[in-house]
Amino acid sequence: MKNNNFISATLLASALALSPVITPNLNAASPSKINTISSSIANILHRRGLDEDAAINISNNFIDEHDEMLFSMIDNLQSACSILSKDEIMQYLASLALRNQSVDLDSYSFLVGMTYEIIKRPLDAKTLGELENIALKNSFRMTDVIL
């Protein structure tokens, strides 16, 4: 019986020790992807007339405030919303960064307001359904991080 307990304890310890190595972290975006968002926002701000250093500083502060989940939420929005392009989304985020406003990509009302502001016309039922699903998916991603 003691051999059985020893083997069970060894297997459990091995599984616990190796699970972080074997399982990739699916919730976190890589630092290079975060840097890509930050540099994209900085480039947009610089093209709009801001000094390069100021644009980088604003962009870095914006990304730091909204953490790495922002990348996966942006990716989710871009891939699941049929009427928004990644460039339009990044332009909008650059405007928010410049005005030091918050981003809430897991909020349906925020997504509807953002989309309306980008396309400047009323949203159809299909788009509203897409945005509802995106908000739901993004809120699940946030709870995964919290848990």
C-alpha atoms as a PDB file:
ATOM      1  CA  MET A   1       0.000   0.000   0.000  1.00  0.00           C
ATOM      2  CA  LYS A   2       2.890   2.359   0.762  1.00  0.00           C
ATOM      3  CA  ASN A   3       4.355   1.754  -2.713  1.00  0.00           C
ATOM      4  CA  ASN A   4       1.000   2.671  -4.250  1.00  0.00           C
ATOM      5  CA  ASN A   5       0.871   5.945  -2.262  1.00  0.00           C
ATOM      6  CA  PHE A   6       4.459   6.727  -3.206  1.00  0.00           C
ATOM      7  CA  ILE A   7       3.763   6.178  -6.916  1.00  0.00           C
ATOM      8  CA  SER A   8       0.576   8.267  -6.746  1.00  0.00           C
ATOM      9  CA  ALA A   9       2.383  11.090  -4.976  1.00  0.00           C
ATOM     10  CA  THR A  10       5.222  10.974  -7.499  1.00  0.00           C
ATOM     11  CA  LEU A  11       2.826  11.070 -10.450  1.00  0.00           C
ATOM     12  CA  LEU A  12       0.876  13.944  -8.935  1.00  0.00           C
ATOM     13  CA  ALA A  13       4.029  15.941  -8.222  1.00  0.00           C
ATOM     14  CA  SER A  14       5.300  15.294 -11.767  1.00  0.00           C
ATOM     15  CA  ALA A  15       2.013  16.361 -13.313  1.00  0.00           C
ATOM     16  CA  LEU A  16       1.908  19.557 -11.269  1.00  0.00           C
ATOM     17  CA  ALA A  17       5.519  20.386 -12.019  1.00  0.00           C
ATOM     18  CA  LEU A  18       5.310  19.713 -15.759  1.00  0.00           C
ATOM     19  CA  SER A  19       1.866  21.151 -16.528  1.00  0.00           C
ATOM     20  CA  PRO A  20       3.077  24.769 -16.876  1.00  0.00           C
ATOM     21  CA  VAL A  21       5.835  23.566 -19.191  1.00  0.00           C
ATOM     22  CA  ILE A  22       3.583  21.406 -21.345  1.00  0.00           C
ATOM     23  CA  THR A  23       0.491  23.627 -21.550  1.00  0.00           C
ATOM     24  CA  PRO A  24       0.927  26.952 -23.287  1.00  0.00           C
ATOM     25  CA  ASN A  25      -0.662  30.026 -21.795  1.00  0.00           C
ATOM     26  CA  LEU A  26      -3.538  30.614 -24.201  1.00  0.00           C
ATOM     27  CA  ASN A  27      -4.852  33.727 -22.471  1.00  0.00           C
ATOM     28  CA  ALA A  28      -1.774  35.899 -22.712  1.00  0.00           C
ATOM     29  CA  ALA A  29      -0.641  37.648 -25.835  1.00  0.00           C
ATOM     30  CA  SER A  30       3.045  37.602 -26.600  1.00  0.00           C
ATOM     31  CA  PRO A  31       5.082  40.723 -25.828  1.00  0.00           C
ATOM     32  CA  SER A  32       5.856  41.164 -29.528  1.00  0.00           C
ATOM     33  CA  LYS A  33       2.126  41.362 -30.340  1.00  0.00           C
ATOM     34  CA  ILE A  34       1.634  43.943 -27.594  1.00  0.00           C
ATOM     35  CA  ASN A  35       4.586  45.912 -28.963  1.00  0.00           C
ATOM     36  CA  THR A  36       3.007  45.728 -32.426  1.00  0.00           C
ATOM     37  CA  ILE A  37      -0.197  47.331 -31.138  1.00  0.00           C
ATOM     38  CA  SER A  38       1.771  49.944 -29.251  1.00  0.00           C
ATOM     39  CA  SER A  39       3.950  50.792 -32.240  1.00  0.00           C
ATOM     40  CA  SER A  40       0.940  50.845 -34.554  1.00  0.00           C
ATOM     41  CA  ILE A  41      -0.851  53.348 -32.315  1.00  0.00           C
ATOM     42  CA  ALA A  42       2.362  55.389 -31.991  1.00  0.00           C
ATOM     43  CA  ASN A  43       2.797  55.450 -35.786  1.00  0.00           C
ATOM     44  CA  ILE A  44      -0.782  56.617 -36.284  1.00  0.00           C
ATOM     45  CA  LEU A  45      -0.333  59.384 -33.716  1.00  0.00           C
ATOM     46  CA  HIS A  46       2.982  60.406 -35.276  1.00  0.00           C
ATOM     47  CA  ARG A  47       1.375  60.568 -38.762  1.00  0.00           C
ATOM     48  CA  ARG A  48      -1.320  62.798 -37.244  1.00  0.00           C
ATOM     49  CA  GLY A  49       1.358  65.312 -36.280  1.00  0.00           C
ATOM     50  CA  LEU A  50       2.539  64.356 -32.812  1.00  0.00           C
ATOM     51  CA  ASP A  51       6.222  64.334 -31.990  1.00  0.00           C
ATOM     52  CA  GLU A  52       7.558  60.777 -32.287  1.00  0.00           C
ATOM     53  CA  ASP A  53       8.634  60.553 -28.632  1.00  0.00           C
ATOM     54  CA  ALA A  54       5.293  61.922 -27.431  1.00  0.00           C
ATOM     55  CA  ALA A  55       3.413  59.462 -29.653  1.00  0.00           C
ATOM     56  CA  ILE A  56       5.423  56.534 -28.280  1.00  0.00           C
ATOM     57  CA  ASN A  57       4.892  57.712 -24.699  1.00  0.00           C
ATOM     58  CA  ILE A  58       1.120  58.101 -25.170  1.00  0.00           C
ATOM     59  CA  SER A  59       0.889  54.728 -26.883  1.00  0.00           C
ATOM     60  CA  ASN A  60       2.924  52.913 -24.220  1.00  0.00           C
ATOM     61  CA  ASN A  61       0.860  54.446 -21.423  1.00  0.00           C
ATOM     62  CA  PHE A  62      -2.349  53.469 -23.199  1.00  0.00           C
ATOM     63  CA  ILE A  63      -1.222  49.865 -23.708  1.00  0.00           C
ATOM     64  CA  ASP A  64       0.119  49.562 -20.146  1.00  0.00           C
ATOM     65  CA  GLU A  65      -3.212  50.742 -18.810  1.00  0.00           C
ATOM     66  CA  HIS A  66      -5.221  48.257 -20.865  1.00  0.00           C
ATOM     67  CA  ASP A  67      -2.867  45.266 -20.500  1.00  0.00           C
ATOM     68  CA  GLU A  68      -2.131  42.359 -22.773  1.00  0.00           C
ATOM     69  CA  MET A  69      -5.723  41.158 -23.099  1.00  0.00           C
ATOM     70  CA  LEU A  70      -6.266  44.109 -25.404  1.00  0.00           C
ATOM     71  CA  PHE A  71      -4.502  42.284 -28.247  1.00  0.00           C
ATOM     72  CA  SER A  72      -6.738  39.228 -28.147  1.00  0.00           C
ATOM     73  CA  MET A  73      -9.839  41.396 -27.828  1.00  0.00           C
ATOM     74  CA  ILE A  74      -8.794  43.508 -30.824  1.00  0.00           C
ATOM     75  CA  ASP A  75      -8.040  40.365 -32.797  1.00  0.00           C
ATOM     76  CA  ASN A  76     -11.413  38.927 -31.827  1.00  0.00           C
ATOM     77  CA  LEU A  77     -13.179  42.128 -32.878  1.00  0.00           C
ATOM     78  CA  GLN A  78     -11.367  42.331 -36.180  1.00  0.00           C
ATOM     79  CA  SER A  79     -11.990  38.714 -37.093  1.00  0.00           C
ATOM     80  CA  ALA A  80     -15.623  38.491 -35.958  1.00  0.00           C
ATOM     81  CA  CYS A  81     -16.993  41.868 -37.078  1.00  0.00           C
ATOM     82  CA  SER A  82     -17.621  41.896 -40.804  1.00  0.00           C
ATOM     83  CA  ILE A  83     -17.720  45.681 -41.264  1.00  0.00           C
ATOM     84  CA  LEU A  84     -14.589  46.793 -39.369  1.00  0.00           C
ATOM     85  CA  SER A  85     -11.025  46.501 -40.576  1.00  0.00           C
ATOM     86  CA  LYS A  86      -7.987  46.289 -38.342  1.00  0.00           C
ATOM     87  CA  ASP A  87      -6.834  49.686 -39.594  1.00  0.00           C
ATOM     88  CA  GLU A  88     -10.160  51.306 -38.639  1.00  0.00           C
ATOM     89  CA  ILE A  89      -9.975  49.736 -35.194  1.00  0.00           C
ATOM     90  CA  MET A  90      -6.387  50.913 -34.693  1.00  0.00           C
ATOM     91  CA  GLN A  91      -7.286  54.446 -35.861  1.00  0.00           C
ATOM     92  CA  TYR A  92     -10.099  54.529 -33.304  1.00  0.00           C
ATOM     93  CA  LEU A  93      -7.843  53.221 -30.522  1.00  0.00           C
ATOM     94  CA  ALA A  94      -5.236  55.844 -31.406  1.00  0.00           C
ATOM     95  CA  SER A  95      -7.885  58.537 -30.965  1.00  0.00           C
ATOM     96  CA  LEU A  96      -8.800  57.099 -27.573  1.00  0.00           C
ATOM     97  CA  ALA A  97      -5.138  56.974 -26.569  1.00  0.00           C
ATOM     98  CA  LEU A  98      -4.655  60.591 -27.591  1.00  0.00           C
ATOM     99  CA  ARG A  99      -7.649  61.674 -25.515  1.00  0.00           C
ATOM    100  CA  ASN A 100      -6.599  59.369 -22.645  1.00  0.00           C
ATOM    101  CA  GLN A 101      -9.949  57.581 -22.728  1.00  0.00           C
ATOM    102  CA  SER A 102     -10.620  54.050 -21.617  1.00  0.00           C
ATOM    103  CA  VAL A 103     -11.347  51.025 -23.767  1.00  0.00           C
ATOM    104  CA  ASP A 104     -13.973  48.465 -22.842  1.00  0.00           C
ATOM    105  CA  LEU A 105     -13.973  45.877 -25.625  1.00  0.00           C
ATOM    106  CA  ASP A 106     -15.983  43.456 -23.507  1.00  0.00           C
ATOM    107  CA  SER A 107     -18.905  45.896 -23.308  1.00  0.00           C
ATOM    108  CA  TYR A 108     -21.651  45.607 -25.917  1.00  0.00           C
ATOM    109  CA  SER A 109     -22.582  49.276 -25.611  1.00  0.00           C
ATOM    110  CA  PHE A 110     -18.955  50.346 -26.069  1.00  0.00           C
ATOM    111  CA  LEU A 111     -18.603  48.157 -29.180  1.00  0.00           C
ATOM    112  CA  VAL A 112     -21.848  49.513 -30.659  1.00  0.00           C
ATOM    113  CA  GLY A 113     -20.772  53.113 -30.002  1.00  0.00           C
ATOM    114  CA  MET A 114     -17.314  52.499 -31.393  1.00  0.00           C
ATOM    115  CA  THR A 115     -18.624  50.819 -34.534  1.00  0.00           C
ATOM    116  CA  TYR A 116     -21.189  53.539 -35.120  1.00  0.00           C
ATOM    117  CA  GLU A 117     -18.532  56.212 -34.692  1.00  0.00           C
ATOM    118  CA  ILE A 118     -16.248  54.448 -37.169  1.00  0.00           C
ATOM    119  CA  ILE A 119     -18.751  53.714 -39.947  1.00  0.00           C
ATOM    120  CA  LYS A 120     -21.013  56.746 -39.337  1.00  0.00           C
ATOM    121  CA  ARG A 121     -24.282  55.005 -40.165  1.00  0.00           C
ATOM    122  CA  PRO A 122     -26.879  52.973 -38.268  1.00  0.00           C
ATOM    123  CA  LEU A 123     -25.904  49.377 -37.605  1.00  0.00           C
ATOM    124  CA  ASP A 124     -27.931  46.529 -39.058  1.00  0.00           C
ATOM    125  CA  ALA A 125     -29.174  43.515 -37.099  1.00  0.00           C
ATOM    126  CA  LYS A 126     -26.361  41.282 -38.376  1.00  0.00           C
ATOM    127  CA  THR A 127     -23.676  43.673 -37.140  1.00  0.00           C
ATOM    128  CA  LEU A 128     -25.422  44.130 -33.788  1.00  0.00           C
ATOM    129  CA  GLY A 129     -25.506  40.345 -33.384  1.00  0.00           C
ATOM    130  CA  GLU A 130     -21.803  40.117 -34.243  1.00  0.00           C
ATOM    131  CA  LEU A 131     -20.979  42.808 -31.687  1.00  0.00           C
ATOM    132  CA  GLU A 132     -23.048  41.039 -29.032  1.00  0.00           C
ATOM    133  CA  ASN A 133     -21.122  37.812 -29.633  1.00  0.00           C
ATOM    134  CA  ILE A 134     -17.792  39.668 -29.569  1.00  0.00           C
ATOM    135  CA  ALA A 135     -18.650  41.340 -26.260  1.00  0.00           C
ATOM    136  CA  LEU A 136     -19.622  37.972 -24.822  1.00  0.00           C
ATOM    137  CA  LYS A 137     -16.412  36.302 -26.026  1.00  0.00           C
ATOM    138  CA  ASN A 138     -14.283  39.182 -24.775  1.00  0.00           C
ATOM    139  CA  SER A 139     -15.964  39.103 -21.359  1.00  0.00           C
ATOM    140  CA  PHE A 140     -15.213  35.384 -21.133  1.00  0.00           C
ATOM    141  CA  ARG A 141     -11.573  36.149 -21.880  1.00  0.00           C
ATOM    142  CA  MET A 142     -11.552  38.649 -19.023  1.00  0.00           C
ATOM    143  CA  THR A 143     -12.999  36.114 -16.577  1.00  0.00           C
ATOM    144  CA  ASP A 144     -10.361  33.588 -17.669  1.00  0.00           C
ATOM    145  CA  VAL A 145      -7.665  36.056 -16.675  1.00  0.00           C
ATOM    146  CA  ILE A 146      -9.321  36.826 -13.337  1.00  0.00           C
ATOM    147  CA  LEU A 147      -9.786  33.157 -12.485  1.00  0.00           C
END
